[in-house]
């Protein structure tokens, strides 16, 4: 379907504790940020893609691909304490001041290098403007009906959700956000916190394509798979 006034936002901070400098770090010979930029450009026109960064190296790497970086994010929006919502609102305000009032945000985090243009196109097909958000997920191997436990008042472990299932395969599937794709209704974003969204649907991705680079071990696995 046609997405109402889209704006793709790729948040790429220069700092990172888990993997220092990861957004500009080479993964299988290519800067990590470039995987997401390339996927976005296969689906959207350049003028609809915003890399929000505070880092001159990232800006230079992105612009070397031919995509213009519209601004450098203020230092106040570039610390560990700043949430995604503030970053998105800053980008929305910048584009509004320059004459483009976005109605749909496509948030693509650079830490998902196996997310492709195909995934993005499939997710966009599922989205509809009556949703607050469509988000990419992966089926979790951990299940609250089976192998996720909580400690009760007596200090003993019990199922996080009461059940009588004997096999994990019989349990209802549960999903976790994989961080690859968020398609967000701007009206909803302006009215409440993303964590308070209720009208949310899923786009399911497989385990490999859902790899999110957060720790050095994640990077080693991605490098191994890319070079295989």
Protein backbone atom coordinates (compact mmCIF):
# COMPACT_ATOMS: atom_id res chain seq x y z
CA UNK A 1 0.00 0.00 0.00
CA UNK A 2 1.01 3.64 -0.35
CA UNK A 3 2.57 4.87 2.90
CA UNK A 4 1.30 8.33 3.99
CA UNK A 5 4.13 10.89 3.78
CA UNK A 6 7.02 8.65 4.90
CA UNK A 7 10.28 9.65 6.50
CA UNK A 8 13.00 7.06 7.02
CA UNK A 9 15.10 7.81 10.09
CA UNK A 10 18.39 5.99 10.69
CA UNK A 11 19.75 6.93 14.14
CA UNK A 12 23.52 6.50 14.18
CA UNK A 13 25.27 7.88 17.24
CA UNK A 14 29.06 8.05 17.23
CA UNK A 15 29.42 6.67 20.76
CA UNK A 16 28.82 3.06 21.76
CA UNK A 17 29.84 1.18 24.89
CA UNK A 18 29.19 -2.42 23.81
CA UNK A 19 31.10 -2.17 20.51
CA UNK A 20 33.08 1.10 20.38
CA UNK A 21 32.48 3.06 17.18
CA UNK A 22 30.30 0.29 15.81
CA UNK A 23 28.24 2.35 13.36
CA UNK A 24 31.37 3.29 11.40
CA UNK A 25 33.25 0.05 12.09
CA UNK A 26 33.90 -2.21 9.08
CA UNK A 27 31.77 -5.36 8.96
CA UNK A 28 33.01 -7.71 6.27
CA UNK A 29 34.81 -4.77 4.66
CA UNK A 30 31.89 -2.30 4.74
CA UNK A 31 30.94 0.32 7.37
CA UNK A 32 28.04 -0.99 9.42
CA UNK A 33 25.93 2.10 8.70
CA UNK A 34 26.13 1.40 4.96
CA UNK A 35 24.10 -1.83 5.17
CA UNK A 36 21.08 0.08 6.43
CA UNK A 37 21.59 3.04 4.09
CA UNK A 38 21.69 0.68 1.10
CA UNK A 39 18.52 -1.15 2.17
CA UNK A 40 16.66 2.13 2.67
CA UNK A 41 17.75 3.57 -0.70
CA UNK A 42 16.44 0.51 -2.54
CA UNK A 43 12.94 1.32 -1.28
CA UNK A 44 12.82 5.10 -0.72
CA UNK A 45 14.05 8.19 -2.52
CA UNK A 46 17.10 9.86 -0.98
CA UNK A 47 15.18 12.97 0.06
CA UNK A 48 13.01 10.78 2.32
CA UNK A 49 15.97 9.25 4.18
CA UNK A 50 17.43 10.96 7.24
CA UNK A 51 20.60 9.68 8.91
CA UNK A 52 20.51 11.32 12.34
CA UNK A 53 24.07 11.40 13.66
CA UNK A 54 26.29 13.51 15.87
CA UNK A 55 29.45 12.06 14.35
CA UNK A 56 31.51 13.58 11.52
CA UNK A 57 33.01 10.21 10.58
CA UNK A 58 29.57 8.64 10.15
CA UNK A 59 28.41 11.71 8.21
CA UNK A 60 31.41 11.39 5.90
CA UNK A 61 30.87 7.65 5.35
CA UNK A 62 27.20 8.14 4.52
CA UNK A 63 27.81 11.06 2.18
CA UNK A 64 30.48 9.02 0.40
CA UNK A 65 27.62 6.76 -0.74
CA UNK A 66 25.89 9.77 -2.30
CA UNK A 67 23.27 10.26 0.41
CA UNK A 68 23.24 13.71 2.00
CA UNK A 69 23.14 13.92 5.81
CA UNK A 70 20.77 16.83 6.51
CA UNK A 71 22.12 17.88 9.93
CA UNK A 72 24.41 16.93 12.79
CA UNK A 73 22.40 15.93 15.84
CA UNK A 74 22.88 18.26 18.83
CA UNK A 75 25.17 17.03 21.59
CA UNK A 76 22.25 17.10 24.04
CA UNK A 77 20.52 14.40 21.94
CA UNK A 78 23.59 12.19 21.61
CA UNK A 79 24.14 10.75 25.08
CA UNK A 80 23.31 7.31 26.50
CA UNK A 81 20.46 8.89 28.44
CA UNK A 82 18.54 10.15 25.40
CA UNK A 83 15.71 7.92 24.20
CA UNK A 84 14.75 7.07 20.64
CA UNK A 85 11.57 9.14 20.86
CA UNK A 86 13.49 12.38 21.41
CA UNK A 87 15.70 11.61 18.41
CA UNK A 88 12.68 10.93 16.21
CA UNK A 89 10.92 14.12 17.33
CA UNK A 90 14.03 16.18 16.58
CA UNK A 91 14.18 14.83 13.02
CA UNK A 92 10.45 15.38 12.51
CA UNK A 93 10.75 18.99 13.65
CA UNK A 94 13.74 19.61 11.36
CA UNK A 95 11.86 18.35 8.31
CA UNK A 96 8.68 20.24 9.29
CA UNK A 97 10.66 23.48 9.49
CA UNK A 98 11.93 22.73 5.98
CA UNK A 99 8.45 22.18 4.58
CA UNK A 100 7.89 18.42 4.91
CA UNK A 101 5.34 17.25 7.48
CA UNK A 102 5.93 13.50 7.74
CA UNK A 103 2.99 11.27 8.69
CA UNK A 104 4.82 7.93 8.92
CA UNK A 105 8.26 7.22 10.35
CA UNK A 106 10.24 4.21 9.19
CA UNK A 107 12.85 3.72 11.90
CA UNK A 108 15.81 1.57 10.82
CA UNK A 109 18.55 0.94 13.37
CA UNK A 110 22.04 0.42 11.85
CA UNK A 111 22.69 -2.54 14.16
CA UNK A 112 20.61 -4.90 11.96
CA UNK A 113 22.88 -5.58 8.96
CA UNK A 114 20.92 -8.64 7.79
CA UNK A 115 17.71 -6.63 7.37
CA UNK A 116 17.29 -6.08 3.64
CA UNK A 117 15.15 -4.06 1.26
CA UNK A 118 12.98 -7.17 0.85
CA UNK A 119 12.22 -7.24 4.57
CA UNK A 120 11.45 -3.54 4.51
CA UNK A 121 9.09 -3.87 1.54
CA UNK A 122 7.27 -6.79 3.13
CA UNK A 123 6.79 -4.88 6.39
CA UNK A 124 5.49 -1.83 4.52
CA UNK A 125 2.88 -4.03 2.84
CA UNK A 126 1.51 -5.05 6.25
CA UNK A 127 1.41 -1.54 7.71
CA UNK A 128 -1.80 0.49 7.63
CA UNK A 129 -2.40 4.05 8.87
CA UNK A 130 -4.88 2.88 11.51
CA UNK A 131 -1.99 1.23 13.38
CA UNK A 132 0.12 3.01 15.95
CA UNK A 133 3.10 0.89 14.95
CA UNK A 134 4.20 -2.13 12.96
CA UNK A 135 7.37 -3.69 14.34
CA UNK A 136 9.70 -6.46 13.25
CA UNK A 137 9.98 -9.41 15.63
CA UNK A 138 11.57 -12.82 15.93
CA UNK A 139 9.96 -15.80 17.61
CA UNK A 140 11.60 -16.20 21.00
CA UNK A 141 13.23 -19.47 22.02
CA UNK A 142 12.46 -18.58 25.62
CA UNK A 143 8.81 -19.05 26.55
CA UNK A 144 7.04 -17.83 29.71
CA UNK A 145 4.77 -20.90 29.62
CA UNK A 146 7.71 -23.30 29.60
CA UNK A 147 11.30 -22.25 30.32
CA UNK A 148 11.05 -18.69 31.63
CA UNK A 149 10.83 -18.78 35.41
CA UNK A 150 10.08 -16.34 38.21
CA UNK A 151 10.89 -16.62 41.88
CA UNK A 152 7.79 -16.88 44.07
CA UNK A 153 7.30 -15.53 47.59
CA UNK A 154 8.88 -18.66 49.07
CA UNK A 155 11.99 -18.27 46.89
CA UNK A 156 11.18 -21.17 44.55
CA UNK A 157 11.17 -20.95 40.75
CA UNK A 158 7.91 -21.36 38.90
CA UNK A 159 6.72 -20.73 35.34
CA UNK A 160 6.45 -17.04 34.53
CA UNK A 161 2.97 -17.84 33.16
CA UNK A 162 0.97 -20.66 34.71
CA UNK A 163 0.56 -23.58 32.31
CA UNK A 164 0.40 -27.36 32.02
CA UNK A 165 2.32 -27.63 28.76
CA UNK A 166 4.74 -30.57 28.63
CA UNK A 167 6.57 -29.51 25.45
CA UNK A 168 7.73 -26.09 24.31
CA UNK A 169 6.31 -26.79 20.84
CA UNK A 170 2.80 -26.89 22.32
CA UNK A 171 3.07 -23.49 23.97
CA UNK A 172 1.66 -20.35 22.33
CA UNK A 173 4.42 -18.61 20.35
CA UNK A 174 5.90 -15.49 21.91
CA UNK A 175 7.86 -12.80 20.09
CA UNK A 176 10.58 -10.30 20.89
CA UNK A 177 11.40 -7.07 19.08
CA UNK A 178 14.52 -7.61 16.97
CA UNK A 179 15.26 -3.90 16.45
CA UNK A 180 15.32 -4.06 12.65
CA UNK A 181 12.15 -2.24 11.51
CA UNK A 182 9.69 0.09 13.21
CA UNK A 183 6.95 1.74 11.14
CA UNK A 184 5.38 4.39 13.34
CA UNK A 185 2.29 6.55 12.96
CA UNK A 186 3.46 10.12 13.61
CA UNK A 187 0.12 11.17 15.15
CA UNK A 188 0.51 8.39 17.74
CA UNK A 189 4.15 9.29 18.33
CA UNK A 190 3.22 12.88 19.12
CA UNK A 191 0.49 11.87 21.56
CA UNK A 192 2.16 9.19 23.70
CA UNK A 193 5.32 7.27 24.45
CA UNK A 194 6.22 4.40 22.11
CA UNK A 195 6.15 2.08 25.13
CA UNK A 196 2.48 2.99 25.60
CA UNK A 197 1.40 2.01 22.07
CA UNK A 198 -1.38 -0.61 22.10
CA UNK A 199 -2.42 -0.84 18.45
CA UNK A 200 0.72 -2.65 17.28
CA UNK A 201 1.16 -5.45 14.73
CA UNK A 202 4.15 -7.64 13.96
CA UNK A 203 6.34 -8.48 11.00
CA UNK A 204 8.15 -11.76 11.66
CA UNK A 205 11.79 -12.27 10.66
CA UNK A 206 13.96 -15.36 11.06
CA UNK A 207 16.73 -15.81 13.62
CA UNK A 208 19.68 -15.01 11.34
CA UNK A 209 18.16 -11.92 9.75
CA UNK A 210 17.24 -10.72 13.26
CA UNK A 211 20.84 -10.58 14.51
CA UNK A 212 21.30 -7.29 16.35
CA UNK A 213 24.85 -6.08 16.96
CA UNK A 214 25.01 -5.12 20.62
CA UNK A 215 28.04 -6.98 21.98
CA UNK A 216 31.39 -8.14 20.53
CA UNK A 217 30.10 -11.73 20.26
CA UNK A 218 27.23 -10.50 18.06
CA UNK A 219 29.77 -8.83 15.79
CA UNK A 220 31.90 -11.97 15.52
CA UNK A 221 28.84 -14.03 14.61
CA UNK A 222 27.76 -11.51 11.95
CA UNK A 223 31.28 -11.42 10.50
CA UNK A 224 31.35 -15.21 10.37
CA UNK A 225 27.98 -15.41 8.61
CA UNK A 226 28.85 -12.63 6.15
CA UNK A 227 32.07 -14.36 5.15
CA UNK A 228 30.60 -17.87 4.96
